[in-house]
Amino acid sequence: MAKRSTKFYRRNEAEVMKSLELIPTKNSGAGWVEKSDGQSEHIICELKSTDAASYRITLNDLHTLEYNAAVAHKLPVFAIQFLQ
């Protein structure tokens, strides 16, 4: 299967965040103000999408999400999307 484009992942991320009733962050949270992929008043969410049959979550991924949630005083949510 051909590799998916960055444009696909950005559009997909925005669609998933809206379906979860979260506001997508600009540039996937790469800036200084907004972190993670989507937020609401009470939730901060990190989305990982994959074409594979499995996804490996690293401890660093969880620590980063927990830290960003603690700073923002929000509940952390880690979402995994299997595209196939």
PDB file of N, CA and C in Angstrom:
ATOM      1  N   MET A   1       0.841  -1.178   0.000  1.00  0.00           N
ATOM      2  CA  MET A   1       0.000   0.000   0.000  1.00  0.00           C
ATOM      3  C   MET A   1       0.887   1.242   0.000  1.00  0.00           C
ATOM      4  N   ALA A   2       0.494   2.244  -0.743  1.00  0.00           N
ATOM      5  CA  ALA A   2       1.258   3.487  -0.827  1.00  0.00           C
ATOM      6  C   ALA A   2       1.183   4.245   0.501  1.00  0.00           C
ATOM      7  N   LYS A   3       2.233   4.973   0.806  1.00  0.00           N
ATOM      8  CA  LYS A   3       2.292   5.746   2.037  1.00  0.00           C
ATOM      9  C   LYS A   3       1.267   6.883   1.981  1.00  0.00           C
ATOM     10  N   ARG A   4       0.583   7.109   3.073  1.00  0.00           N
ATOM     11  CA  ARG A   4      -0.409   8.181   3.134  1.00  0.00           C
ATOM     12  C   ARG A   4       0.297   9.526   3.281  1.00  0.00           C
ATOM     13  N   SER A   5      -0.326  10.562   2.748  1.00  0.00           N
ATOM     14  CA  SER A   5       0.284  11.888   2.757  1.00  0.00           C
ATOM     15  C   SER A   5       0.046  12.608   4.086  1.00  0.00           C
ATOM     16  N   THR A   6       0.846  13.614   4.325  1.00  0.00           N
ATOM     17  CA  THR A   6       0.674  14.451   5.513  1.00  0.00           C
ATOM     18  C   THR A   6      -0.685  15.130   5.474  1.00  0.00           C
ATOM     19  N   LYS A   7      -1.110  15.527   4.286  1.00  0.00           N
ATOM     20  CA  LYS A   7      -2.417  16.161   4.123  1.00  0.00           C
ATOM     21  C   LYS A   7      -3.530  15.226   4.585  1.00  0.00           C
ATOM     22  N   PHE A   8      -3.414  13.935   4.254  1.00  0.00           N
ATOM     23  CA  PHE A   8      -4.407  12.957   4.682  1.00  0.00           C
ATOM     24  C   PHE A   8      -4.473  12.899   6.207  1.00  0.00           C
ATOM     25  N   TYR A   9      -3.310  12.791   6.851  1.00  0.00           N
ATOM     26  CA  TYR A   9      -3.279  12.651   8.307  1.00  0.00           C
ATOM     27  C   TYR A   9      -3.814  13.899   9.010  1.00  0.00           C
ATOM     28  N   ARG A  10      -3.513  15.071   8.493  1.00  0.00           N
ATOM     29  CA  ARG A  10      -4.033  16.307   9.095  1.00  0.00           C
ATOM     30  C   ARG A  10      -5.551  16.382   8.975  1.00  0.00           C
ATOM     31  N   ARG A  11      -6.069  16.045   7.803  1.00  0.00           N
ATOM     32  CA  ARG A  11      -7.521  16.061   7.602  1.00  0.00           C
ATOM     33  C   ARG A  11      -8.192  14.996   8.465  1.00  0.00           C
ATOM     34  N   ASN A  12      -7.606  13.808   8.510  1.00  0.00           N
ATOM     35  CA  ASN A  12      -8.138  12.714   9.310  1.00  0.00           C
ATOM     36  C   ASN A  12      -8.152  13.081  10.795  1.00  0.00           C
ATOM     37  N   GLU A  13      -7.073  13.675  11.263  1.00  0.00           N
ATOM     38  CA  GLU A  13      -6.979  14.079  12.656  1.00  0.00           C
ATOM     39  C   GLU A  13      -8.081  15.078  13.010  1.00  0.00           C
ATOM     40  N   ALA A  14      -8.302  16.052  12.145  1.00  0.00           N
ATOM     41  CA  ALA A  14      -9.347  17.044  12.388  1.00  0.00           C
ATOM     42  C   ALA A  14     -10.730  16.383  12.423  1.00  0.00           C
ATOM     43  N   GLU A  15     -10.983  15.441  11.517  1.00  0.00           N
ATOM     44  CA  GLU A  15     -12.267  14.739  11.482  1.00  0.00           C
ATOM     45  C   GLU A  15     -12.489  13.912  12.737  1.00  0.00           C
ATOM     46  N   VAL A  16     -11.458  13.200  13.178  1.00  0.00           N
ATOM     47  CA  VAL A  16     -11.585  12.364  14.374  1.00  0.00           C
ATOM     48  C   VAL A  16     -11.820  13.235  15.605  1.00  0.00           C
ATOM     49  N   MET A  17     -11.087  14.327  15.727  1.00  0.00           N
ATOM     50  CA  MET A  17     -11.265  15.219  16.876  1.00  0.00           C
ATOM     51  C   MET A  17     -12.673  15.793  16.900  1.00  0.00           C
ATOM     52  N   LYS A  18     -13.180  16.196  15.754  1.00  0.00           N
ATOM     53  CA  LYS A  18     -14.544  16.730  15.696  1.00  0.00           C
ATOM     54  C   LYS A  18     -15.571  15.652  16.033  1.00  0.00           C
ATOM     55  N   SER A  19     -15.333  14.403  15.618  1.00  0.00           N
ATOM     56  CA  SER A  19     -16.258  13.314  15.942  1.00  0.00           C
ATOM     57  C   SER A  19     -16.263  13.010  17.441  1.00  0.00           C
ATOM     58  N   LEU A  20     -15.149  13.302  18.116  1.00  0.00           N
ATOM     59  CA  LEU A  20     -15.059  13.136  19.572  1.00  0.00           C
ATOM     60  C   LEU A  20     -15.498  14.407  20.310  1.00  0.00           C
ATOM     61  N   GLU A  21     -16.007  15.376  19.550  1.00  0.00           N
ATOM     62  CA  GLU A  21     -16.450  16.665  20.078  1.00  0.00           C
ATOM     63  C   GLU A  21     -15.315  17.423  20.760  1.00  0.00           C
ATOM     64  N   LEU A  22     -14.124  17.339  20.159  1.00  0.00           N
ATOM     65  CA  LEU A  22     -12.956  18.067  20.627  1.00  0.00           C
ATOM     66  C   LEU A  22     -12.547  19.073  19.562  1.00  0.00           C
ATOM     67  N   ILE A  23     -11.852  20.098  19.958  1.00  0.00           N
ATOM     68  CA  ILE A  23     -11.376  21.113  19.020  1.00  0.00           C
ATOM     69  C   ILE A  23      -9.963  20.739  18.593  1.00  0.00           C
ATOM     70  N   PRO A  24      -9.727  20.519  17.290  1.00  0.00           N
ATOM     71  CA  PRO A  24      -8.375  20.176  16.829  1.00  0.00           C
ATOM     72  C   PRO A  24      -7.404  21.319  17.103  1.00  0.00           C
ATOM     73  N   THR A  25      -6.195  20.989  17.524  1.00  0.00           N
ATOM     74  CA  THR A  25      -5.190  22.021  17.769  1.00  0.00           C
ATOM     75  C   THR A  25      -4.459  22.337  16.471  1.00  0.00           C
ATOM     76  N   LYS A  26      -3.910  23.531  16.411  1.00  0.00           N
ATOM     77  CA  LYS A  26      -3.166  23.943  15.230  1.00  0.00           C
ATOM     78  C   LYS A  26      -1.845  23.193  15.172  1.00  0.00           C
ATOM     79  N   ASN A  27      -1.497  22.723  13.994  1.00  0.00           N
ATOM     80  CA  ASN A  27      -0.214  22.067  13.753  1.00  0.00           C
ATOM     81  C   ASN A  27       0.026  20.874  14.673  1.00  0.00           C
ATOM     82  N   SER A  28      -1.037  20.154  15.006  1.00  0.00           N
ATOM     83  CA  SER A  28      -0.959  18.959  15.862  1.00  0.00           C
ATOM     84  C   SER A  28      -0.305  19.219  17.207  1.00  0.00           C
ATOM     85  N   GLY A  29      -0.484  20.404  17.721  1.00  0.00           N
ATOM     86  CA  GLY A  29       0.043  20.704  19.043  1.00  0.00           C
ATOM     87  C   GLY A  29       1.533  20.946  19.091  1.00  0.00           C
ATOM     88  N   ALA A  30       2.150  21.247  17.945  1.00  0.00           N
ATOM     89  CA  ALA A  30       3.591  21.455  17.903  1.00  0.00           C
ATOM     90  C   ALA A  30       4.001  22.837  18.402  1.00  0.00           C
ATOM     91  N   GLY A  31       3.040  23.713  18.656  1.00  0.00           N
ATOM     92  CA  GLY A  31       3.363  25.061  19.110  1.00  0.00           C
ATOM     93  C   GLY A  31       3.597  25.131  20.612  1.00  0.00           C
ATOM     94  N   TRP A  32       3.775  26.336  21.107  1.00  0.00           N
ATOM     95  CA  TRP A  32       4.051  26.543  22.528  1.00  0.00           C
ATOM     96  C   TRP A  32       2.791  26.582  23.370  1.00  0.00           C
ATOM     97  N   VAL A  33       1.667  27.000  22.786  1.00  0.00           N
ATOM     98  CA  VAL A  33       0.463  27.220  23.577  1.00  0.00           C
ATOM     99  C   VAL A  33      -0.413  25.973  23.640  1.00  0.00           C
ATOM    100  N   GLU A  34      -0.779  25.436  22.490  1.00  0.00           N
ATOM    101  CA  GLU A  34      -1.666  24.265  22.434  1.00  0.00           C
ATOM    102  C   GLU A  34      -0.841  23.000  22.255  1.00  0.00           C
ATOM    103  N   LYS A  35      -1.121  22.009  23.073  1.00  0.00           N
ATOM    104  CA  LYS A  35      -0.421  20.732  22.980  1.00  0.00           C
ATOM    105  C   LYS A  35      -1.412  19.622  22.633  1.00  0.00           C
ATOM    106  N   SER A  36      -0.900  18.495  22.197  1.00  0.00           N
ATOM    107  CA  SER A  36      -1.674  17.317  21.782  1.00  0.00           C
ATOM    108  C   SER A  36      -2.477  17.619  20.531  1.00  0.00           C
ATOM    109  N   ASP A  37      -3.373  16.700  20.155  1.00  0.00           N
ATOM    110  CA  ASP A  37      -4.065  16.809  18.874  1.00  0.00           C
ATOM    111  C   ASP A  37      -5.441  17.459  18.962  1.00  0.00           C
ATOM    112  N   GLY A  38      -6.062  17.375  20.129  1.00  0.00           N
ATOM    113  CA  GLY A  38      -7.375  17.975  20.294  1.00  0.00           C
ATOM    114  C   GLY A  38      -7.658  18.252  21.748  1.00  0.00           C
ATOM    115  N   GLN A  39      -8.517  19.247  21.990  1.00  0.00           N
ATOM    116  CA  GLN A  39      -8.846  19.615  23.363  1.00  0.00           C
ATOM    117  C   GLN A  39     -10.292  20.056  23.463  1.00  0.00           C
ATOM    118  N   SER A  40     -10.812  19.949  24.667  1.00  0.00           N
ATOM    119  CA  SER A  40     -12.089  20.559  25.012  1.00  0.00           C
ATOM    120  C   SER A  40     -11.869  21.269  26.340  1.00  0.00           C
ATOM    121  N   GLU A  41     -12.941  21.658  26.959  1.00  0.00           N
ATOM    122  CA  GLU A  41     -12.824  22.350  28.238  1.00  0.00           C
ATOM    123  C   GLU A  41     -12.217  21.449  29.318  1.00  0.00           C
ATOM    124  N   HIS A  42     -12.489  20.127  29.226  1.00  0.00           N
ATOM    125  CA  HIS A  42     -12.058  19.208  30.281  1.00  0.00           C
ATOM    126  C   HIS A  42     -11.104  18.113  29.818  1.00  0.00           C
ATOM    127  N   ILE A  43     -10.891  17.977  28.510  1.00  0.00           N
ATOM    128  CA  ILE A  43     -10.125  16.844  27.962  1.00  0.00           C
ATOM    129  C   ILE A  43      -9.002  17.334  27.063  1.00  0.00           C
ATOM    130  N   ILE A  44      -7.873  16.619  27.108  1.00  0.00           N
ATOM    131  CA  ILE A  44      -6.784  16.815  26.152  1.00  0.00           C
ATOM    132  C   ILE A  44      -6.523  15.442  25.526  1.00  0.00           C
ATOM    133  N   CYS A  45      -6.485  15.368  24.199  1.00  0.00           N
ATOM    134  CA  CYS A  45      -6.425  14.081  23.500  1.00  0.00           C
ATOM    135  C   CYS A  45      -5.244  14.007  22.542  1.00  0.00           C
ATOM    136  N   GLU A  46      -4.581  12.880  22.566  1.00  0.00           N
ATOM    137  CA  GLU A  46      -3.502  12.572  21.626  1.00  0.00           C
ATOM    138  C   GLU A  46      -3.999  11.436  20.732  1.00  0.00           C
ATOM    139  N   LEU A  47      -3.929  11.618  19.419  1.00  0.00           N
ATOM    140  CA  LEU A  47      -4.389  10.613  18.459  1.00  0.00           C
ATOM    141  C   LEU A  47      -3.205  10.005  17.730  1.00  0.00           C
ATOM    142  N   LYS A  48      -3.169   8.693  17.660  1.00  0.00           N
ATOM    143  CA  LYS A  48      -2.188   7.980  16.855  1.00  0.00           C
ATOM    144  C   LYS A  48      -2.956   7.114  15.863  1.00  0.00           C
ATOM    145  N   SER A  49      -2.642   7.266  14.583  1.00  0.00           N
ATOM    146  CA  SER A  49      -3.293   6.498  13.522  1.00  0.00           C
ATOM    147  C   SER A  49      -2.265   5.587  12.866  1.00  0.00           C
ATOM    148  N   THR A  50      -2.711   4.383  12.483  1.00  0.00           N
ATOM    149  CA  THR A  50      -1.790   3.442  11.863  1.00  0.00           C
ATOM    150  C   THR A  50      -2.507   2.562  10.848  1.00  0.00           C
ATOM    151  N   ASP A  51      -1.760   2.150   9.833  1.00  0.00           N
ATOM    152  CA  ASP A  51      -2.256   1.172   8.866  1.00  0.00           C
ATOM    153  C   ASP A  51      -1.933  -0.244   9.316  1.00  0.00           C
ATOM    154  N   ALA A  52      -1.089  -0.380  10.314  1.00  0.00           N
ATOM    155  CA  ALA A  52      -0.652  -1.694  10.784  1.00  0.00           C
ATOM    156  C   ALA A  52      -1.751  -2.373  11.605  1.00  0.00           C
ATOM    157  N   ALA A  53      -1.528  -3.631  11.918  1.00  0.00           N
ATOM    158  CA  ALA A  53      -2.491  -4.399  12.715  1.00  0.00           C
ATOM    159  C   ALA A  53      -2.287  -4.172  14.210  1.00  0.00           C
ATOM    160  N   SER A  54      -1.217  -3.474  14.584  1.00  0.00           N
ATOM    161  CA  SER A  54      -0.962  -3.195  15.995  1.00  0.00           C
ATOM    162  C   SER A  54      -0.257  -1.848  16.120  1.00  0.00           C
ATOM    163  N   TYR A  55      -0.256  -1.321  17.344  1.00  0.00           N
ATOM    164  CA  TYR A  55       0.437  -0.069  17.615  1.00  0.00           C
ATOM    165  C   TYR A  55       1.140  -0.198  18.955  1.00  0.00           C
ATOM    166  N   ARG A  56       2.366   0.231  19.019  1.00  0.00           N
ATOM    167  CA  ARG A  56       3.165   0.146  20.235  1.00  0.00           C
ATOM    168  C   ARG A  56       3.169   1.520  20.906  1.00  0.00           C
ATOM    169  N   ILE A  57       2.667   1.582  22.120  1.00  0.00           N
ATOM    170  CA  ILE A  57       2.658   2.825  22.885  1.00  0.00           C
ATOM    171  C   ILE A  57       3.916   2.848  23.744  1.00  0.00           C
ATOM    172  N   THR A  58       4.668   3.926  23.646  1.00  0.00           N
ATOM    173  CA  THR A  58       5.867   4.039  24.465  1.00  0.00           C
ATOM    174  C   THR A  58       5.527   4.751  25.777  1.00  0.00           C
ATOM    175  N   LEU A  59       6.320   4.486  26.773  1.00  0.00           N
ATOM    176  CA  LEU A  59       6.134   5.137  28.062  1.00  0.00           C
ATOM    177  C   LEU A  59       6.312   6.647  27.925  1.00  0.00           C
ATOM    178  N   ASN A  60       7.190   7.059  27.040  1.00  0.00           N
ATOM    179  CA  ASN A  60       7.402   8.482  26.801  1.00  0.00           C
ATOM    180  C   ASN A  60       6.138   9.147  26.245  1.00  0.00           C
ATOM    181  N   ASP A  61       5.407   8.456  25.348  1.00  0.00           N
ATOM    182  CA  ASP A  61       4.141   8.984  24.822  1.00  0.00           C
ATOM    183  C   ASP A  61       3.161   9.258  25.967  1.00  0.00           C
ATOM    184  N   LEU A  62       3.070   8.307  26.895  1.00  0.00           N
ATOM    185  CA  LEU A  62       2.142   8.455  28.017  1.00  0.00           C
ATOM    186  C   LEU A  62       2.582   9.555  28.976  1.00  0.00           C
ATOM    187  N   HIS A  63       3.873   9.614  29.266  1.00  0.00           N
ATOM    188  CA  HIS A  63       4.380  10.664  30.160  1.00  0.00           C
ATOM    189  C   HIS A  63       4.160  12.054  29.568  1.00  0.00           C
ATOM    190  N   THR A  64       4.390  12.195  28.271  1.00  0.00           N
ATOM    191  CA  THR A  64       4.189  13.481  27.607  1.00  0.00           C
ATOM    192  C   THR A  64       2.728  13.909  27.686  1.00  0.00           C
ATOM    193  N   LEU A  65       1.816  12.981  27.401  1.00  0.00           N
ATOM    194  CA  LEU A  65       0.395  13.288  27.470  1.00  0.00           C
ATOM    195  C   LEU A  65      -0.013  13.639  28.904  1.00  0.00           C
ATOM    196  N   GLU A  66       0.463  12.863  29.872  1.00  0.00           N
ATOM    197  CA  GLU A  66       0.133  13.146  31.269  1.00  0.00           C
ATOM    198  C   GLU A  66       0.654  14.515  31.700  1.00  0.00           C
ATOM    199  N   TYR A  67       1.854  14.857  31.287  1.00  0.00           N
ATOM    200  CA  TYR A  67       2.434  16.152  31.635  1.00  0.00           C
ATOM    201  C   TYR A  67       1.615  17.294  31.033  1.00  0.00           C
ATOM    202  N   ASN A  68       1.310  17.187  29.734  1.00  0.00           N
ATOM    203  CA  ASN A  68       0.526  18.233  29.068  1.00  0.00           C
ATOM    204  C   ASN A  68      -0.859  18.379  29.693  1.00  0.00           C
ATOM    205  N   ALA A  69      -1.460  17.264  30.104  1.00  0.00           N
ATOM    206  CA  ALA A  69      -2.773  17.304  30.746  1.00  0.00           C
ATOM    207  C   ALA A  69      -2.679  17.957  32.122  1.00  0.00           C
ATOM    208  N   ALA A  70      -1.634  17.636  32.868  1.00  0.00           N
ATOM    209  CA  ALA A  70      -1.472  18.230  34.193  1.00  0.00           C
ATOM    210  C   ALA A  70      -1.274  19.744  34.100  1.00  0.00           C
ATOM    211  N   VAL A  71      -0.477  20.191  33.143  1.00  0.00           N
ATOM    212  CA  VAL A  71      -0.233  21.620  32.958  1.00  0.00           C
ATOM    213  C   VAL A  71      -1.535  22.341  32.582  1.00  0.00           C
ATOM    214  N   ALA A  72      -2.347  21.700  31.744  1.00  0.00           N
ATOM    215  CA  ALA A  72      -3.602  22.307  31.286  1.00  0.00           C
ATOM    216  C   ALA A  72      -4.772  22.044  32.240  1.00  0.00           C
ATOM    217  N   HIS A  73      -4.546  21.247  33.286  1.00  0.00           N
ATOM    218  CA  HIS A  73      -5.600  20.872  34.247  1.00  0.00           C
ATOM    219  C   HIS A  73      -6.764  20.195  33.538  1.00  0.00           C
ATOM    220  N   LYS A  74      -6.419  19.212  32.694  1.00  0.00           N
ATOM    221  CA  LYS A  74      -7.428  18.488  31.920  1.00  0.00           C
ATOM    222  C   LYS A  74      -7.211  16.980  32.044  1.00  0.00           C
ATOM    223  N   LEU A  75      -8.220  16.225  31.673  1.00  0.00           N
ATOM    224  CA  LEU A  75      -8.164  14.769  31.680  1.00  0.00           C
ATOM    225  C   LEU A  75      -7.473  14.269  30.413  1.00  0.00           C
ATOM    226  N   PRO A  76      -6.421  13.430  30.536  1.00  0.00           N
ATOM    227  CA  PRO A  76      -5.728  12.940  29.337  1.00  0.00           C
ATOM    228  C   PRO A  76      -6.478  11.777  28.685  1.00  0.00           C
ATOM    229  N   VAL A  77      -6.552  11.804  27.352  1.00  0.00           N
ATOM    230  CA  VAL A  77      -7.157  10.715  26.578  1.00  0.00           C
ATOM    231  C   VAL A  77      -6.187  10.357  25.457  1.00  0.00           C
ATOM    232  N   PHE A  78      -5.869   9.064  25.342  1.00  0.00           N
ATOM    233  CA  PHE A  78      -4.996   8.585  24.287  1.00  0.00           C
ATOM    234  C   PHE A  78      -5.850   7.775  23.325  1.00  0.00           C
ATOM    235  N   ALA A  79      -6.016   8.254  22.102  1.00  0.00           N
ATOM    236  CA  ALA A  79      -6.857   7.577  21.103  1.00  0.00           C
ATOM    237  C   ALA A  79      -5.979   6.921  20.049  1.00  0.00           C
ATOM    238  N   ILE A  80      -6.301   5.684  19.724  1.00  0.00           N
ATOM    239  CA  ILE A  80      -5.590   4.951  18.675  1.00  0.00           C
ATOM    240  C   ILE A  80      -6.596   4.595  17.592  1.00  0.00           C
ATOM    241  N   GLN A  81      -6.247   4.905  16.345  1.00  0.00           N
ATOM    242  CA  GLN A  81      -7.119   4.633  15.211  1.00  0.00           C
ATOM    243  C   GLN A  81      -6.427   3.660  14.263  1.00  0.00           C
ATOM    244  N   PHE A  82      -7.077   2.538  14.024  1.00  0.00           N
ATOM    245  CA  PHE A  82      -6.594   1.573  13.027  1.00  0.00           C
ATOM    246  C   PHE A  82      -7.320   1.866  11.722  1.00  0.00           C
ATOM    247  N   LEU A  83      -6.559   2.261  10.721  1.00  0.00           N
ATOM    248  CA  LEU A  83      -7.157   2.723   9.474  1.00  0.00           C
ATOM    249  C   LEU A  83      -7.629   1.599   8.572  1.00  0.00           C
ATOM    250  N   GLN A  84      -7.189   0.400   8.792  1.00  0.00           N
ATOM    251  CA  GLN A  84      -7.619  -0.705   7.925  1.00  0.00           C
ATOM    252  C   GLN A  84      -8.678  -1.537   8.584  1.00  0.00           C
TER     253      GLN A  84
END
